[in-house]
């Protein structure tokens, strides 16, 4: 058997119902739409989220707070995580390769965890405590411009 001999499975396609073609067809006159109402008429449509006149869900759910559209998101890297990684110098590329920073986005180093060895760290932002920990261990800190 080859692909040129393949056909449709039996019963997989059906002819569409012919509506509005007289009483003998079983779908004549109103063509299955009923007698009155919005859906019996032609040209009907509804907006997304319309619930028949009931207050739609997106208007019933309470809105709270404020969304800052200028928010800057950072991938967080802790000093304890840097301690466990191999190597002495870390920048965005090394952290992405190590699987610490997933998106390759902006990176911020925080001071959670102990640091016992001297590291050279390049990131977009550092907490003050992280800078103190890295420098206390004999390492260097470099801030990368966004």
C-alpha atoms as a PDB file:
ATOM      1  CA  UNK A   1       0.000   0.000   0.000  1.00  0.00           C
ATOM      2  CA  UNK A   2       1.212   3.523  -0.714  1.00  0.00           C
ATOM      3  CA  UNK A   3      -0.065   7.026   0.042  1.00  0.00           C
ATOM      4  CA  UNK A   4      -1.718   7.453  -3.350  1.00  0.00           C
ATOM      5  CA  UNK A   5      -4.072   4.563  -2.567  1.00  0.00           C
ATOM      6  CA  UNK A   6      -5.324   6.005   0.722  1.00  0.00           C
ATOM      7  CA  UNK A   7      -8.945   7.152   0.822  1.00  0.00           C
ATOM      8  CA  UNK A   8     -11.323   8.527   3.381  1.00  0.00           C
ATOM      9  CA  UNK A   9     -12.637   6.135   6.006  1.00  0.00           C
ATOM     10  CA  UNK A  10     -16.175   4.944   5.311  1.00  0.00           C
ATOM     11  CA  UNK A  11     -18.720   7.170   7.069  1.00  0.00           C
ATOM     12  CA  UNK A  12     -16.222   9.946   7.779  1.00  0.00           C
ATOM     13  CA  UNK A  13     -17.939  12.431   5.452  1.00  0.00           C
ATOM     14  CA  UNK A  14     -21.632  13.172   5.259  1.00  0.00           C
ATOM     15  CA  UNK A  15     -23.693  15.382   2.995  1.00  0.00           C
ATOM     16  CA  UNK A  16     -25.004  18.490   4.735  1.00  0.00           C
ATOM     17  CA  UNK A  17     -28.724  18.653   5.536  1.00  0.00           C
ATOM     18  CA  UNK A  18     -30.714  20.562   2.912  1.00  0.00           C
ATOM     19  CA  UNK A  19     -32.922  22.845   4.953  1.00  0.00           C
ATOM     20  CA  UNK A  20     -35.916  24.878   3.883  1.00  0.00           C
ATOM     21  CA  UNK A  21     -36.742  22.711   0.859  1.00  0.00           C
ATOM     22  CA  UNK A  22     -40.417  21.965   1.547  1.00  0.00           C
ATOM     23  CA  UNK A  23     -42.441  19.863   4.015  1.00  0.00           C
ATOM     24  CA  UNK A  24     -41.418  16.563   2.472  1.00  0.00           C
ATOM     25  CA  UNK A  25     -37.800  17.031   3.533  1.00  0.00           C
ATOM     26  CA  UNK A  26     -38.606  17.129   7.253  1.00  0.00           C
ATOM     27  CA  UNK A  27     -36.751  20.437   7.497  1.00  0.00           C
ATOM     28  CA  UNK A  28     -39.030  22.737   5.531  1.00  0.00           C
ATOM     29  CA  UNK A  29     -40.697  26.065   6.322  1.00  0.00           C
ATOM     30  CA  UNK A  30     -38.744  27.300   9.402  1.00  0.00           C
ATOM     31  CA  UNK A  31     -35.729  25.142   8.462  1.00  0.00           C
ATOM     32  CA  UNK A  32     -35.162  23.929  12.022  1.00  0.00           C
ATOM     33  CA  UNK A  33     -34.952  27.460  13.471  1.00  0.00           C
ATOM     34  CA  UNK A  34     -38.320  27.520  15.227  1.00  0.00           C
ATOM     35  CA  UNK A  35     -40.906  30.240  14.908  1.00  0.00           C
ATOM     36  CA  UNK A  36     -39.828  33.406  16.714  1.00  0.00           C
ATOM     37  CA  UNK A  37     -36.874  34.891  18.446  1.00  0.00           C
ATOM     38  CA  UNK A  38     -33.431  36.204  17.668  1.00  0.00           C
ATOM     39  CA  UNK A  39     -32.100  32.977  16.191  1.00  0.00           C
ATOM     40  CA  UNK A  40     -35.029  32.517  13.811  1.00  0.00           C
ATOM     41  CA  UNK A  41     -34.036  35.715  12.001  1.00  0.00           C
ATOM     42  CA  UNK A  42     -31.232  36.164   9.544  1.00  0.00           C
ATOM     43  CA  UNK A  43     -28.106  38.184  10.285  1.00  0.00           C
ATOM     44  CA  UNK A  44     -27.873  37.369  13.982  1.00  0.00           C
ATOM     45  CA  UNK A  45     -24.627  37.515  15.899  1.00  0.00           C
ATOM     46  CA  UNK A  46     -23.443  38.066  19.470  1.00  0.00           C
ATOM     47  CA  UNK A  47     -20.446  39.727  21.005  1.00  0.00           C
ATOM     48  CA  UNK A  48     -17.831  37.673  22.828  1.00  0.00           C
ATOM     49  CA  UNK A  49     -18.826  37.065  26.431  1.00  0.00           C
ATOM     50  CA  UNK A  50     -22.545  37.789  25.878  1.00  0.00           C
ATOM     51  CA  UNK A  51     -24.647  35.790  28.359  1.00  0.00           C
ATOM     52  CA  UNK A  52     -28.190  36.409  27.181  1.00  0.00           C
ATOM     53  CA  UNK A  53     -28.548  39.739  28.958  1.00  0.00           C
ATOM     54  CA  UNK A  54     -27.191  38.425  32.273  1.00  0.00           C
ATOM     55  CA  UNK A  55     -24.293  40.488  33.594  1.00  0.00           C
ATOM     56  CA  UNK A  56     -21.252  38.901  31.887  1.00  0.00           C
ATOM     57  CA  UNK A  57     -18.576  37.162  33.940  1.00  0.00           C
ATOM     58  CA  UNK A  58     -15.880  39.683  33.035  1.00  0.00           C
ATOM     59  CA  UNK A  59     -18.060  42.421  34.541  1.00  0.00           C
ATOM     60  CA  UNK A  60     -19.192  40.399  37.594  1.00  0.00           C
ATOM     61  CA  UNK A  61     -15.681  39.583  38.816  1.00  0.00           C
ATOM     62  CA  UNK A  62     -14.314  42.309  41.093  1.00  0.00           C
ATOM     63  CA  UNK A  63     -11.337  44.294  39.844  1.00  0.00           C
ATOM     64  CA  UNK A  64      -8.689  45.122  42.433  1.00  0.00           C
ATOM     65  CA  UNK A  65      -5.398  46.913  42.535  1.00  0.00           C
ATOM     66  CA  UNK A  66      -3.313  48.499  39.865  1.00  0.00           C
ATOM     67  CA  UNK A  67      -1.207  47.030  37.061  1.00  0.00           C
ATOM     68  CA  UNK A  68       1.902  49.016  36.305  1.00  0.00           C
ATOM     69  CA  UNK A  69       2.524  48.723  32.563  1.00  0.00           C
ATOM     70  CA  UNK A  70       6.097  49.965  33.030  1.00  0.00           C
ATOM     71  CA  UNK A  71       7.033  47.192  35.500  1.00  0.00           C
ATOM     72  CA  UNK A  72      10.494  45.714  34.961  1.00  0.00           C
ATOM     73  CA  UNK A  73      10.774  41.981  35.685  1.00  0.00           C
ATOM     74  CA  UNK A  74      14.003  40.398  36.892  1.00  0.00           C
ATOM     75  CA  UNK A  75      15.137  36.792  37.123  1.00  0.00           C
ATOM     76  CA  UNK A  76      16.225  36.303  40.732  1.00  0.00           C
ATOM     77  CA  UNK A  77      19.553  34.617  41.477  1.00  0.00           C
ATOM     78  CA  UNK A  78      20.594  34.072  45.102  1.00  0.00           C
ATOM     79  CA  UNK A  79      24.187  34.039  46.360  1.00  0.00           C
ATOM     80  CA  UNK A  80      23.618  30.523  47.722  1.00  0.00           C
ATOM     81  CA  UNK A  81      22.809  29.352  44.201  1.00  0.00           C
ATOM     82  CA  UNK A  82      25.983  30.974  42.835  1.00  0.00           C
ATOM     83  CA  UNK A  83      27.984  29.108  45.509  1.00  0.00           C
ATOM     84  CA  UNK A  84      26.783  25.752  44.139  1.00  0.00           C
ATOM     85  CA  UNK A  85      27.661  26.532  40.506  1.00  0.00           C
ATOM     86  CA  UNK A  86      31.009  25.623  38.952  1.00  0.00           C
ATOM     87  CA  UNK A  87      33.288  28.483  37.940  1.00  0.00           C
ATOM     88  CA  UNK A  88      34.424  31.787  39.346  1.00  0.00           C
ATOM     89  CA  UNK A  89      32.939  34.292  36.899  1.00  0.00           C
ATOM     90  CA  UNK A  90      29.230  34.632  36.189  1.00  0.00           C
ATOM     91  CA  UNK A  91      27.433  36.856  33.709  1.00  0.00           C
ATOM     92  CA  UNK A  92      24.004  36.553  32.052  1.00  0.00           C
ATOM     93  CA  UNK A  93      25.260  34.077  29.421  1.00  0.00           C
ATOM     94  CA  UNK A  94      26.834  31.761  32.024  1.00  0.00           C
ATOM     95  CA  UNK A  95      23.701  31.863  34.189  1.00  0.00           C
ATOM     96  CA  UNK A  96      21.477  31.015  31.223  1.00  0.00           C
ATOM     97  CA  UNK A  97      23.786  28.137  30.262  1.00  0.00           C
ATOM     98  CA  UNK A  98      23.689  26.856  33.869  1.00  0.00           C
ATOM     99  CA  UNK A  99      19.869  26.954  33.793  1.00  0.00           C
ATOM    100  CA  UNK A 100      19.641  29.557  36.580  1.00  0.00           C
ATOM    101  CA  UNK A 101      18.118  32.259  34.391  1.00  0.00           C
ATOM    102  CA  UNK A 102      15.447  30.746  32.174  1.00  0.00           C
ATOM    103  CA  UNK A 103      14.348  33.614  29.999  1.00  0.00           C
ATOM    104  CA  UNK A 104      17.571  35.444  29.426  1.00  0.00           C
ATOM    105  CA  UNK A 105      15.824  38.441  30.947  1.00  0.00           C
ATOM    106  CA  UNK A 106      17.265  40.994  33.339  1.00  0.00           C
ATOM    107  CA  UNK A 107      19.017  39.414  36.328  1.00  0.00           C
ATOM    108  CA  UNK A 108      18.993  40.551  39.955  1.00  0.00           C
ATOM    109  CA  UNK A 109      21.288  39.002  42.567  1.00  0.00           C
ATOM    110  CA  UNK A 110      19.916  38.679  46.102  1.00  0.00           C
ATOM    111  CA  UNK A 111      21.754  37.745  49.318  1.00  0.00           C
ATOM    112  CA  UNK A 112      19.944  34.526  50.283  1.00  0.00           C
ATOM    113  CA  UNK A 113      22.464  31.799  51.140  1.00  0.00           C
ATOM    114  CA  UNK A 114      26.112  31.714  52.168  1.00  0.00           C
ATOM    115  CA  UNK A 115      29.069  32.554  49.960  1.00  0.00           C
ATOM    116  CA  UNK A 116      32.508  31.154  50.877  1.00  0.00           C
ATOM    117  CA  UNK A 117      34.556  31.706  47.714  1.00  0.00           C
ATOM    118  CA  UNK A 118      35.521  34.725  45.633  1.00  0.00           C
ATOM    119  CA  UNK A 119      33.255  35.199  42.623  1.00  0.00           C
ATOM    120  CA  UNK A 120      33.120  37.739  39.837  1.00  0.00           C
ATOM    121  CA  UNK A 121      29.456  38.460  39.154  1.00  0.00           C
ATOM    122  CA  UNK A 122      27.908  40.572  36.387  1.00  0.00           C
ATOM    123  CA  UNK A 123      24.185  41.295  36.621  1.00  0.00           C
ATOM    124  CA  UNK A 124      21.685  44.045  35.919  1.00  0.00           C
ATOM    125  CA  UNK A 125      20.893  44.683  39.575  1.00  0.00           C
ATOM    126  CA  UNK A 126      22.184  43.697  43.028  1.00  0.00           C
ATOM    127  CA  UNK A 127      20.732  44.041  46.509  1.00  0.00           C
ATOM    128  CA  UNK A 128      22.969  45.879  48.974  1.00  0.00           C
ATOM    129  CA  UNK A 129      23.359  42.745  51.095  1.00  0.00           C
ATOM    130  CA  UNK A 130      24.368  40.691  48.044  1.00  0.00           C
ATOM    131  CA  UNK A 131      27.093  43.219  47.201  1.00  0.00           C
ATOM    132  CA  UNK A 132      28.382  43.056  50.792  1.00  0.00           C
ATOM    133  CA  UNK A 133      28.429  39.221  50.768  1.00  0.00           C
ATOM    134  CA  UNK A 134      30.233  38.943  47.430  1.00  0.00           C
ATOM    135  CA  UNK A 135      32.818  41.575  48.357  1.00  0.00           C
ATOM    136  CA  UNK A 136      33.312  40.084  51.848  1.00  0.00           C
ATOM    137  CA  UNK A 137      34.174  36.758  50.184  1.00  0.00           C
ATOM    138  CA  UNK A 138      36.768  38.546  48.055  1.00  0.00           C
ATOM    139  CA  UNK A 139      34.706  38.730  44.870  1.00  0.00           C
ATOM    140  CA  UNK A 140      33.810  41.558  42.520  1.00  0.00           C
ATOM    141  CA  UNK A 141      30.467  42.999  41.436  1.00  0.00           C
ATOM    142  CA  UNK A 142      29.723  44.604  38.056  1.00  0.00           C
ATOM    143  CA  UNK A 143      26.393  46.228  37.194  1.00  0.00           C
ATOM    144  CA  UNK A 144      25.354  45.815  33.547  1.00  0.00           C
ATOM    145  CA  UNK A 145      23.324  48.627  32.014  1.00  0.00           C
ATOM    146  CA  UNK A 146      19.848  47.579  30.856  1.00  0.00           C
END
